[in-house]
Amino acid sequence: MQPLYSDIKKLKILLVLLTLFTVGFFVLIFLDYFHIGLRPYQEPEMVLFLLVYYTSIGIFIWFIWNRMPVSRKTKWNDTIMILCLKVIGMWLWLPNQNQLLNEKREEHV
């Protein structure tokens, strides 16, 4: 359980950084759009953003399918939630500390 707990802590750090990156990027897009005009998908910043964004989604989905001890149906549901809701779905999926402690207690019983 300890490796799973530490991995989820790392995912939480990644998600906080991704959320800050996303908010900052959208602020820059709106500022740039109103002053200069942004050509979507042609700017290097957009390519960097999409690369970081979809790599993070891939890491979360990989973690769900390879590391989480849950049923296949739950894995499918979690994957669909993350693909549809993106960052919000990742926040909704991320287990909190109480859920992890309950799983740890159930594991020892």
N, C-alpha and C. Protein backbone atom coordinates (compact mmCIF):
# COMPACT_ATOMS: atom_id res chain seq x y z
N MET A 1 0.82 -1.20 0.00
CA MET A 1 0.00 0.00 0.00
C MET A 1 0.86 1.26 0.00
N GLN A 2 2.03 1.19 0.61
CA GLN A 2 2.91 2.35 0.68
C GLN A 2 3.34 2.86 -0.70
N PRO A 3 3.73 1.95 -1.64
CA PRO A 3 4.08 2.47 -2.97
C PRO A 3 2.88 3.13 -3.67
N LEU A 4 1.70 2.56 -3.50
CA LEU A 4 0.51 3.16 -4.11
C LEU A 4 0.24 4.53 -3.53
N TYR A 5 0.38 4.67 -2.21
CA TYR A 5 0.16 5.96 -1.55
C TYR A 5 1.16 7.00 -2.04
N SER A 6 2.42 6.63 -2.15
CA SER A 6 3.42 7.59 -2.62
C SER A 6 3.21 7.94 -4.09
N ASP A 7 2.76 6.96 -4.89
CA ASP A 7 2.47 7.26 -6.29
C ASP A 7 1.31 8.23 -6.42
N ILE A 8 0.30 8.07 -5.59
CA ILE A 8 -0.85 8.97 -5.65
C ILE A 8 -0.45 10.38 -5.19
N LYS A 9 0.47 10.47 -4.23
CA LYS A 9 0.98 11.79 -3.83
C LYS A 9 1.70 12.46 -5.00
N LYS A 10 2.46 11.67 -5.76
CA LYS A 10 3.16 12.22 -6.93
C LYS A 10 2.15 12.67 -8.00
N LEU A 11 1.09 11.89 -8.17
CA LEU A 11 0.06 12.27 -9.13
C LEU A 11 -0.64 13.56 -8.69
N LYS A 12 -0.83 13.71 -7.39
CA LYS A 12 -1.46 14.93 -6.90
C LYS A 12 -0.59 16.15 -7.18
N ILE A 13 0.72 16.01 -6.99
CA ILE A 13 1.65 17.10 -7.29
C ILE A 13 1.60 17.42 -8.79
N LEU A 14 1.60 16.37 -9.63
CA LEU A 14 1.48 16.58 -11.07
C LEU A 14 0.19 17.29 -11.42
N LEU A 15 -0.90 16.91 -10.76
CA LEU A 15 -2.20 17.53 -11.05
C LEU A 15 -2.25 18.98 -10.62
N VAL A 16 -1.64 19.31 -9.49
CA VAL A 16 -1.59 20.71 -9.05
C VAL A 16 -0.79 21.53 -10.07
N LEU A 17 0.35 21.01 -10.51
CA LEU A 17 1.16 21.73 -11.50
C LEU A 17 0.41 21.86 -12.83
N LEU A 18 -0.29 20.79 -13.24
CA LEU A 18 -1.05 20.85 -14.48
C LEU A 18 -2.18 21.87 -14.39
N THR A 19 -2.84 21.92 -13.24
CA THR A 19 -3.93 22.89 -13.05
C THR A 19 -3.39 24.32 -13.12
N LEU A 20 -2.29 24.59 -12.44
CA LEU A 20 -1.69 25.92 -12.48
C LEU A 20 -1.23 26.27 -13.90
N PHE A 21 -0.64 25.30 -14.57
CA PHE A 21 -0.18 25.49 -15.95
C PHE A 21 -1.36 25.80 -16.86
N THR A 22 -2.46 25.08 -16.70
CA THR A 22 -3.64 25.29 -17.53
C THR A 22 -4.26 26.65 -17.29
N VAL A 23 -4.42 27.03 -16.04
CA VAL A 23 -5.00 28.34 -15.72
C VAL A 23 -4.10 29.46 -16.26
N GLY A 24 -2.80 29.35 -16.03
CA GLY A 24 -1.88 30.36 -16.53
C GLY A 24 -1.87 30.46 -18.04
N PHE A 25 -1.95 29.30 -18.69
CA PHE A 25 -1.95 29.30 -20.15
C PHE A 25 -3.21 29.97 -20.70
N PHE A 26 -4.37 29.66 -20.11
CA PHE A 26 -5.60 30.28 -20.60
C PHE A 26 -5.63 31.78 -20.32
N VAL A 27 -5.04 32.22 -19.23
CA VAL A 27 -4.94 33.66 -18.98
C VAL A 27 -4.08 34.31 -20.07
N LEU A 28 -2.96 33.67 -20.41
CA LEU A 28 -2.10 34.21 -21.47
C LEU A 28 -2.81 34.22 -22.82
N ILE A 29 -3.59 33.17 -23.10
CA ILE A 29 -4.32 33.13 -24.37
C ILE A 29 -5.32 34.28 -24.44
N PHE A 30 -6.07 34.51 -23.37
CA PHE A 30 -7.05 35.58 -23.40
C PHE A 30 -6.39 36.94 -23.51
N LEU A 31 -5.28 37.14 -22.81
CA LEU A 31 -4.58 38.41 -22.93
C LEU A 31 -4.03 38.61 -24.33
N ASP A 32 -3.45 37.56 -24.88
CA ASP A 32 -2.88 37.63 -26.22
C ASP A 32 -3.97 37.80 -27.27
N TYR A 33 -5.07 37.13 -27.09
CA TYR A 33 -6.16 37.19 -28.06
C TYR A 33 -6.75 38.59 -28.17
N PHE A 34 -6.90 39.24 -27.04
CA PHE A 34 -7.51 40.56 -27.07
C PHE A 34 -6.56 41.64 -27.57
N HIS A 35 -5.25 41.40 -27.55
CA HIS A 35 -4.31 42.43 -27.99
C HIS A 35 -3.71 42.15 -29.36
N ILE A 36 -3.33 40.93 -29.61
CA ILE A 36 -2.61 40.62 -30.85
C ILE A 36 -3.43 39.70 -31.75
N GLY A 37 -4.08 38.74 -31.17
CA GLY A 37 -4.80 37.73 -31.95
C GLY A 37 -3.96 36.46 -32.01
N LEU A 38 -4.51 35.39 -31.58
CA LEU A 38 -3.79 34.13 -31.51
C LEU A 38 -4.31 33.20 -32.59
N ARG A 39 -3.42 32.58 -33.31
CA ARG A 39 -3.81 31.59 -34.31
C ARG A 39 -3.71 30.22 -33.64
N PRO A 40 -4.83 29.65 -33.23
CA PRO A 40 -4.80 28.38 -32.50
C PRO A 40 -4.08 27.28 -33.27
N TYR A 41 -3.37 26.47 -32.55
CA TYR A 41 -2.64 25.30 -33.05
C TYR A 41 -1.51 25.65 -33.99
N GLN A 42 -1.15 26.91 -34.12
CA GLN A 42 -0.01 27.29 -34.93
C GLN A 42 1.10 27.90 -34.10
N GLU A 43 0.80 28.20 -32.87
CA GLU A 43 1.79 28.81 -32.01
C GLU A 43 2.56 27.73 -31.23
N PRO A 44 3.85 27.94 -31.01
CA PRO A 44 4.62 26.95 -30.24
C PRO A 44 4.08 26.76 -28.82
N GLU A 45 3.52 27.82 -28.25
CA GLU A 45 2.97 27.70 -26.90
C GLU A 45 1.80 26.73 -26.87
N MET A 46 0.98 26.75 -27.91
CA MET A 46 -0.16 25.85 -27.99
C MET A 46 0.30 24.39 -28.11
N VAL A 47 1.33 24.18 -28.92
CA VAL A 47 1.86 22.83 -29.08
C VAL A 47 2.44 22.34 -27.76
N LEU A 48 3.17 23.18 -27.06
CA LEU A 48 3.72 22.81 -25.76
C LEU A 48 2.60 22.51 -24.76
N PHE A 49 1.59 23.35 -24.75
CA PHE A 49 0.48 23.13 -23.83
C PHE A 49 -0.20 21.80 -24.12
N LEU A 50 -0.52 21.53 -25.38
CA LEU A 50 -1.19 20.28 -25.72
C LEU A 50 -0.32 19.07 -25.40
N LEU A 51 0.98 19.18 -25.62
CA LEU A 51 1.89 18.08 -25.31
C LEU A 51 1.89 17.78 -23.82
N VAL A 52 2.03 18.80 -22.99
CA VAL A 52 2.02 18.62 -21.53
C VAL A 52 0.66 18.11 -21.07
N TYR A 53 -0.39 18.67 -21.61
CA TYR A 53 -1.75 18.34 -21.19
C TYR A 53 -2.08 16.87 -21.47
N TYR A 54 -1.86 16.44 -22.71
CA TYR A 54 -2.22 15.07 -23.07
C TYR A 54 -1.23 14.05 -22.52
N THR A 55 0.01 14.44 -22.28
CA THR A 55 0.94 13.54 -21.60
C THR A 55 0.48 13.29 -20.16
N SER A 56 0.02 14.33 -19.50
CA SER A 56 -0.49 14.17 -18.13
C SER A 56 -1.73 13.28 -18.10
N ILE A 57 -2.62 13.46 -19.05
CA ILE A 57 -3.81 12.60 -19.13
C ILE A 57 -3.37 11.15 -19.36
N GLY A 58 -2.39 10.95 -20.22
CA GLY A 58 -1.87 9.60 -20.47
C GLY A 58 -1.27 8.97 -19.23
N ILE A 59 -0.55 9.76 -18.43
CA ILE A 59 0.03 9.25 -17.19
C ILE A 59 -1.06 8.80 -16.23
N PHE A 60 -2.11 9.60 -16.10
CA PHE A 60 -3.21 9.23 -15.20
C PHE A 60 -3.90 7.95 -15.68
N ILE A 61 -4.16 7.85 -16.97
CA ILE A 61 -4.83 6.65 -17.49
C ILE A 61 -3.92 5.43 -17.34
N TRP A 62 -2.64 5.58 -17.59
CA TRP A 62 -1.70 4.48 -17.39
C TRP A 62 -1.72 4.02 -15.94
N PHE A 63 -1.73 4.98 -15.02
CA PHE A 63 -1.74 4.64 -13.60
C PHE A 63 -3.01 3.87 -13.22
N ILE A 64 -4.14 4.32 -13.74
CA ILE A 64 -5.40 3.64 -13.42
C ILE A 64 -5.34 2.19 -13.90
N TRP A 65 -4.88 1.96 -15.11
CA TRP A 65 -4.91 0.61 -15.68
C TRP A 65 -3.80 -0.30 -15.17
N ASN A 66 -2.68 0.26 -14.75
CA ASN A 66 -1.55 -0.59 -14.36
C ASN A 66 -1.29 -0.66 -12.86
N ARG A 67 -1.73 0.32 -12.11
CA ARG A 67 -1.36 0.34 -10.69
C ARG A 67 -2.53 0.25 -9.72
N MET A 68 -3.72 0.64 -10.15
CA MET A 68 -4.86 0.67 -9.22
C MET A 68 -5.47 -0.72 -9.07
N PRO A 69 -5.65 -1.15 -7.82
CA PRO A 69 -6.24 -2.47 -7.56
C PRO A 69 -7.77 -2.41 -7.53
N VAL A 70 -8.37 -2.12 -8.67
CA VAL A 70 -9.83 -2.03 -8.77
C VAL A 70 -10.29 -2.90 -9.93
N SER A 71 -11.61 -3.09 -10.03
CA SER A 71 -12.16 -3.94 -11.08
C SER A 71 -12.01 -3.29 -12.45
N ARG A 72 -12.13 -4.11 -13.48
CA ARG A 72 -12.00 -3.62 -14.86
C ARG A 72 -13.10 -2.60 -15.17
N LYS A 73 -14.30 -2.81 -14.66
CA LYS A 73 -15.40 -1.88 -14.90
C LYS A 73 -15.09 -0.51 -14.30
N THR A 74 -14.54 -0.50 -13.09
CA THR A 74 -14.17 0.76 -12.44
C THR A 74 -13.07 1.47 -13.24
N LYS A 75 -12.13 0.69 -13.77
CA LYS A 75 -11.07 1.29 -14.58
C LYS A 75 -11.64 1.95 -15.83
N TRP A 76 -12.60 1.30 -16.48
CA TRP A 76 -13.24 1.88 -17.65
C TRP A 76 -13.98 3.16 -17.29
N ASN A 77 -14.73 3.11 -16.18
CA ASN A 77 -15.48 4.30 -15.75
C ASN A 77 -14.54 5.46 -15.45
N ASP A 78 -13.44 5.18 -14.74
CA ASP A 78 -12.48 6.23 -14.41
C ASP A 78 -11.82 6.80 -15.67
N THR A 79 -11.50 5.93 -16.62
CA THR A 79 -10.87 6.37 -17.87
C THR A 79 -11.81 7.28 -18.65
N ILE A 80 -13.06 6.89 -18.77
CA ILE A 80 -14.04 7.70 -19.50
C ILE A 80 -14.24 9.05 -18.80
N MET A 81 -14.28 9.03 -17.47
CA MET A 81 -14.44 10.28 -16.73
C MET A 81 -13.28 11.22 -17.01
N ILE A 82 -12.05 10.71 -16.99
CA ILE A 82 -10.88 11.55 -17.23
C ILE A 82 -10.85 12.06 -18.67
N LEU A 83 -11.21 11.20 -19.63
CA LEU A 83 -11.20 11.63 -21.02
C LEU A 83 -12.26 12.68 -21.31
N CYS A 84 -13.40 12.60 -20.65
CA CYS A 84 -14.48 13.56 -20.90
C CYS A 84 -14.30 14.86 -20.12
N LEU A 85 -13.86 14.77 -18.87
CA LEU A 85 -13.80 15.95 -18.02
C LEU A 85 -12.40 16.55 -17.87
N LYS A 86 -11.40 15.89 -18.41
CA LYS A 86 -10.01 16.35 -18.40
C LYS A 86 -9.52 16.67 -16.98
N VAL A 87 -9.08 17.90 -16.71
CA VAL A 87 -8.50 18.23 -15.40
C VAL A 87 -9.53 18.06 -14.28
N ILE A 88 -10.76 18.45 -14.53
CA ILE A 88 -11.80 18.28 -13.50
C ILE A 88 -12.00 16.81 -13.20
N GLY A 89 -11.99 15.98 -14.24
CA GLY A 89 -12.12 14.54 -14.04
C GLY A 89 -10.96 13.96 -13.25
N MET A 90 -9.76 14.49 -13.46
CA MET A 90 -8.61 14.01 -12.69
C MET A 90 -8.76 14.38 -11.22
N TRP A 91 -9.25 15.58 -10.94
CA TRP A 91 -9.48 15.97 -9.55
C TRP A 91 -10.56 15.10 -8.92
N LEU A 92 -11.62 14.80 -9.68
CA LEU A 92 -12.68 13.95 -9.15
C LEU A 92 -12.20 12.53 -8.91
N TRP A 93 -11.33 12.03 -9.77
CA TRP A 93 -10.84 10.66 -9.64
C TRP A 93 -9.86 10.51 -8.48
N LEU A 94 -9.03 11.49 -8.26
CA LEU A 94 -7.94 11.38 -7.29
C LEU A 94 -8.46 11.01 -5.92
N PRO A 95 -8.06 9.85 -5.39
CA PRO A 95 -8.55 9.46 -4.06
C PRO A 95 -7.96 10.37 -2.98
N ASN A 96 -8.79 10.70 -2.00
CA ASN A 96 -8.29 11.53 -0.91
C ASN A 96 -7.64 10.65 0.15
N GLN A 97 -7.08 11.28 1.16
CA GLN A 97 -6.31 10.55 2.17
C GLN A 97 -7.21 9.60 2.97
N ASN A 98 -8.44 9.99 3.24
CA ASN A 98 -9.35 9.11 3.99
C ASN A 98 -9.67 7.84 3.21
N GLN A 99 -9.88 7.97 1.91
CA GLN A 99 -10.14 6.80 1.08
C GLN A 99 -8.94 5.86 1.08
N LEU A 100 -7.75 6.43 1.01
CA LEU A 100 -6.54 5.59 1.02
C LEU A 100 -6.37 4.88 2.35
N LEU A 101 -6.64 5.60 3.46
CA LEU A 101 -6.52 4.97 4.77
C LEU A 101 -7.55 3.87 4.95
N ASN A 102 -8.77 4.06 4.45
CA ASN A 102 -9.79 3.03 4.53
C ASN A 102 -9.39 1.79 3.73
N GLU A 103 -8.82 1.99 2.55
CA GLU A 103 -8.35 0.87 1.76
C GLU A 103 -7.21 0.15 2.46
N LYS A 104 -6.36 0.92 3.12
CA LYS A 104 -5.23 0.31 3.83
C LYS A 104 -5.73 -0.52 5.00
N ARG A 105 -6.74 -0.01 5.73
CA ARG A 105 -7.31 -0.77 6.85
C ARG A 105 -7.99 -2.04 6.36
N GLU A 106 -8.72 -1.95 5.26
CA GLU A 106 -9.39 -3.12 4.71
C GLU A 106 -8.38 -4.16 4.25
N GLU A 107 -7.25 -3.70 3.80
CA GLU A 107 -6.21 -4.61 3.33
C GLU A 107 -5.61 -5.41 4.48
N HIS A 108 -5.50 -4.79 5.66
CA HIS A 108 -4.89 -5.45 6.81
C HIS A 108 -5.88 -6.35 7.55
N VAL A 109 -7.17 -6.19 7.32
CA VAL A 109 -8.17 -6.99 8.03
C VAL A 109 -8.35 -8.33 7.40
